């Protein structure tokens, strides 16, 4: 099996477990970041204050037209920015974790 045979949707069971481990490890590391936890707090506050945001993030999607007032439109814009920041932090943490693992593998492969 070649690396090109893998994709995120068709992983062998052991590799799928490793991806789950990586996601959990990234989440654990992110929870240690005050900036990240502040973004999560802000995200949850917006969702609590503006229930229509839950409908947007629901896996069923939007099931009816939204008629938003100015404050709700501002909240939606803020929510999108916060969500993007959260996702950026997650991608960066996954990248850094990947680098750490790659460096470990390189160390193991070094020949003296």
C-alpha atoms as a PDB file:
ATOM      1  CA  UNK A   1       0.000   0.000   0.000  1.00  0.00           C
ATOM      2  CA  UNK A   2       1.323   3.430  -0.951  1.00  0.00           C
ATOM      3  CA  UNK A   3       0.762   6.708   0.866  1.00  0.00           C
ATOM      4  CA  UNK A   4      -1.180   7.912  -2.174  1.00  0.00           C
ATOM      5  CA  UNK A   5      -3.742   5.166  -1.471  1.00  0.00           C
ATOM      6  CA  UNK A   6      -4.795   6.848   1.776  1.00  0.00           C
ATOM      7  CA  UNK A   7      -7.394   9.528   2.190  1.00  0.00           C
ATOM      8  CA  UNK A   8      -9.123  10.813   5.290  1.00  0.00           C
ATOM      9  CA  UNK A   9     -12.345   8.947   4.465  1.00  0.00           C
ATOM     10  CA  UNK A  10     -10.834   5.513   3.827  1.00  0.00           C
ATOM     11  CA  UNK A  11      -8.201   5.000   6.480  1.00  0.00           C
ATOM     12  CA  UNK A  12      -7.145   1.600   7.733  1.00  0.00           C
ATOM     13  CA  UNK A  13      -8.499   1.048  11.279  1.00  0.00           C
ATOM     14  CA  UNK A  14      -5.173   1.579  13.026  1.00  0.00           C
ATOM     15  CA  UNK A  15      -4.525   4.798  11.149  1.00  0.00           C
ATOM     16  CA  UNK A  16      -8.062   5.967  11.912  1.00  0.00           C
ATOM     17  CA  UNK A  17      -7.352   5.422  15.594  1.00  0.00           C
ATOM     18  CA  UNK A  18      -4.157   7.446  15.219  1.00  0.00           C
ATOM     19  CA  UNK A  19      -6.070  10.321  13.620  1.00  0.00           C
ATOM     20  CA  UNK A  20      -8.535  10.215  16.522  1.00  0.00           C
ATOM     21  CA  UNK A  21      -5.591  10.329  18.934  1.00  0.00           C
ATOM     22  CA  UNK A  22      -4.135  13.334  17.098  1.00  0.00           C
ATOM     23  CA  UNK A  23      -7.445  15.185  17.216  1.00  0.00           C
ATOM     24  CA  UNK A  24      -7.759  14.510  20.948  1.00  0.00           C
ATOM     25  CA  UNK A  25      -4.164  15.567  21.570  1.00  0.00           C
ATOM     26  CA  UNK A  26      -4.646  18.784  19.605  1.00  0.00           C
ATOM     27  CA  UNK A  27      -7.787  19.574  21.575  1.00  0.00           C
ATOM     28  CA  UNK A  28      -5.968  18.919  24.853  1.00  0.00           C
ATOM     29  CA  UNK A  29      -3.091  21.190  23.865  1.00  0.00           C
ATOM     30  CA  UNK A  30      -5.443  23.916  22.693  1.00  0.00           C
ATOM     31  CA  UNK A  31      -7.293  23.865  26.010  1.00  0.00           C
ATOM     32  CA  UNK A  32      -4.018  24.955  27.627  1.00  0.00           C
ATOM     33  CA  UNK A  33      -4.051  28.159  25.566  1.00  0.00           C
ATOM     34  CA  UNK A  34      -5.792  31.137  27.191  1.00  0.00           C
ATOM     35  CA  UNK A  35      -6.306  32.725  23.768  1.00  0.00           C
ATOM     36  CA  UNK A  36      -8.016  29.630  22.419  1.00  0.00           C
ATOM     37  CA  UNK A  37     -10.226  29.154  25.461  1.00  0.00           C
ATOM     38  CA  UNK A  38     -11.215  32.828  25.227  1.00  0.00           C
ATOM     39  CA  UNK A  39     -12.276  32.290  21.615  1.00  0.00           C
ATOM     40  CA  UNK A  40     -14.322  29.271  22.663  1.00  0.00           C
ATOM     41  CA  UNK A  41     -15.945  31.261  25.460  1.00  0.00           C
ATOM     42  CA  UNK A  42     -16.826  34.031  23.020  1.00  0.00           C
ATOM     43  CA  UNK A  43     -18.188  31.477  20.554  1.00  0.00           C
ATOM     44  CA  UNK A  44     -20.425  29.899  23.194  1.00  0.00           C
ATOM     45  CA  UNK A  45     -21.636  33.276  24.433  1.00  0.00           C
ATOM     46  CA  UNK A  46     -22.683  34.264  20.926  1.00  0.00           C
ATOM     47  CA  UNK A  47     -24.496  30.970  20.438  1.00  0.00           C
ATOM     48  CA  UNK A  48     -26.268  31.368  23.786  1.00  0.00           C
ATOM     49  CA  UNK A  49     -27.290  34.946  23.066  1.00  0.00           C
ATOM     50  CA  UNK A  50     -28.341  34.325  19.448  1.00  0.00           C
ATOM     51  CA  UNK A  51     -30.053  30.918  19.139  1.00  0.00           C
ATOM     52  CA  UNK A  52     -30.268  31.166  15.345  1.00  0.00           C
ATOM     53  CA  UNK A  53     -26.499  30.568  15.274  1.00  0.00           C
ATOM     54  CA  UNK A  54     -27.141  27.035  16.527  1.00  0.00           C
ATOM     55  CA  UNK A  55     -29.312  26.419  13.489  1.00  0.00           C
ATOM     56  CA  UNK A  56     -26.465  27.522  11.231  1.00  0.00           C
ATOM     57  CA  UNK A  57     -24.000  25.137  12.854  1.00  0.00           C
ATOM     58  CA  UNK A  58     -26.494  22.269  13.130  1.00  0.00           C
ATOM     59  CA  UNK A  59     -25.759  19.314  10.878  1.00  0.00           C
ATOM     60  CA  UNK A  60     -29.260  19.656   9.413  1.00  0.00           C
ATOM     61  CA  UNK A  61     -28.372  23.115   8.175  1.00  0.00           C
ATOM     62  CA  UNK A  62     -30.732  25.992   7.703  1.00  0.00           C
ATOM     63  CA  UNK A  63     -34.282  24.771   7.319  1.00  0.00           C
ATOM     64  CA  UNK A  64     -36.000  28.124   6.871  1.00  0.00           C
ATOM     65  CA  UNK A  65     -35.179  31.622   5.726  1.00  0.00           C
ATOM     66  CA  UNK A  66     -33.506  33.857   8.258  1.00  0.00           C
ATOM     67  CA  UNK A  67     -34.775  37.392   8.694  1.00  0.00           C
ATOM     68  CA  UNK A  68     -32.030  39.016  10.730  1.00  0.00           C
ATOM     69  CA  UNK A  69     -32.079  42.425  12.297  1.00  0.00           C
ATOM     70  CA  UNK A  70     -28.962  44.597  12.464  1.00  0.00           C
ATOM     71  CA  UNK A  71     -27.769  43.240  15.828  1.00  0.00           C
ATOM     72  CA  UNK A  72     -28.230  39.656  14.651  1.00  0.00           C
ATOM     73  CA  UNK A  73     -26.354  40.409  11.445  1.00  0.00           C
ATOM     74  CA  UNK A  74     -23.487  41.860  13.472  1.00  0.00           C
ATOM     75  CA  UNK A  75     -23.558  38.790  15.717  1.00  0.00           C
ATOM     76  CA  UNK A  76     -23.428  36.517  12.672  1.00  0.00           C
ATOM     77  CA  UNK A  77     -20.423  38.402  11.299  1.00  0.00           C
ATOM     78  CA  UNK A  78     -18.671  38.219  14.682  1.00  0.00           C
ATOM     79  CA  UNK A  79     -19.532  34.530  15.008  1.00  0.00           C
ATOM     80  CA  UNK A  80     -18.027  33.787  11.590  1.00  0.00           C
ATOM     81  CA  UNK A  81     -14.814  35.573  12.549  1.00  0.00           C
ATOM     82  CA  UNK A  82     -14.571  33.747  15.876  1.00  0.00           C
ATOM     83  CA  UNK A  83     -15.252  30.394  14.207  1.00  0.00           C
ATOM     84  CA  UNK A  84     -12.552  31.112  11.633  1.00  0.00           C
ATOM     85  CA  UNK A  85     -10.090  31.997  14.393  1.00  0.00           C
ATOM     86  CA  UNK A  86     -10.934  28.783  16.260  1.00  0.00           C
ATOM     87  CA  UNK A  87     -10.441  26.722  13.119  1.00  0.00           C
ATOM     88  CA  UNK A  88      -7.172  28.512  12.385  1.00  0.00           C
ATOM     89  CA  UNK A  89      -5.887  27.639  15.861  1.00  0.00           C
ATOM     90  CA  UNK A  90      -6.918  24.013  15.340  1.00  0.00           C
ATOM     91  CA  UNK A  91      -5.169  23.786  11.971  1.00  0.00           C
ATOM     92  CA  UNK A  92      -2.034  25.400  13.360  1.00  0.00           C
ATOM     93  CA  UNK A  93      -1.961  23.071  16.360  1.00  0.00           C
ATOM     94  CA  UNK A  94      -2.406  20.020  14.121  1.00  0.00           C
ATOM     95  CA  UNK A  95       0.402  21.278  11.885  1.00  0.00           C
ATOM     96  CA  UNK A  96       2.728  21.829  14.838  1.00  0.00           C
ATOM     97  CA  UNK A  97       1.904  18.414  16.247  1.00  0.00           C
ATOM     98  CA  UNK A  98       2.683  16.912  12.849  1.00  0.00           C
ATOM     99  CA  UNK A  99       6.033  18.679  12.789  1.00  0.00           C
ATOM    100  CA  UNK A 100       6.824  17.360  16.265  1.00  0.00           C
ATOM    101  CA  UNK A 101       6.014  13.813  15.161  1.00  0.00           C
ATOM    102  CA  UNK A 102       8.024  14.208  11.959  1.00  0.00           C
ATOM    103  CA  UNK A 103      11.021  15.436  13.935  1.00  0.00           C
ATOM    104  CA  UNK A 104      10.709  12.422  16.216  1.00  0.00           C
ATOM    105  CA  UNK A 105      10.671  10.083  13.234  1.00  0.00           C
ATOM    106  CA  UNK A 106      13.686  11.836  11.723  1.00  0.00           C
ATOM    107  CA  UNK A 107      15.552  11.355  15.001  1.00  0.00           C
ATOM    108  CA  UNK A 108      14.672   7.656  15.004  1.00  0.00           C
ATOM    109  CA  UNK A 109      15.899   7.263  11.441  1.00  0.00           C
ATOM    110  CA  UNK A 110      19.231   8.997  11.951  1.00  0.00           C
ATOM    111  CA  UNK A 111      22.115   6.703  11.338  1.00  0.00           C
ATOM    112  CA  UNK A 112      25.296   7.229  13.291  1.00  0.00           C
END
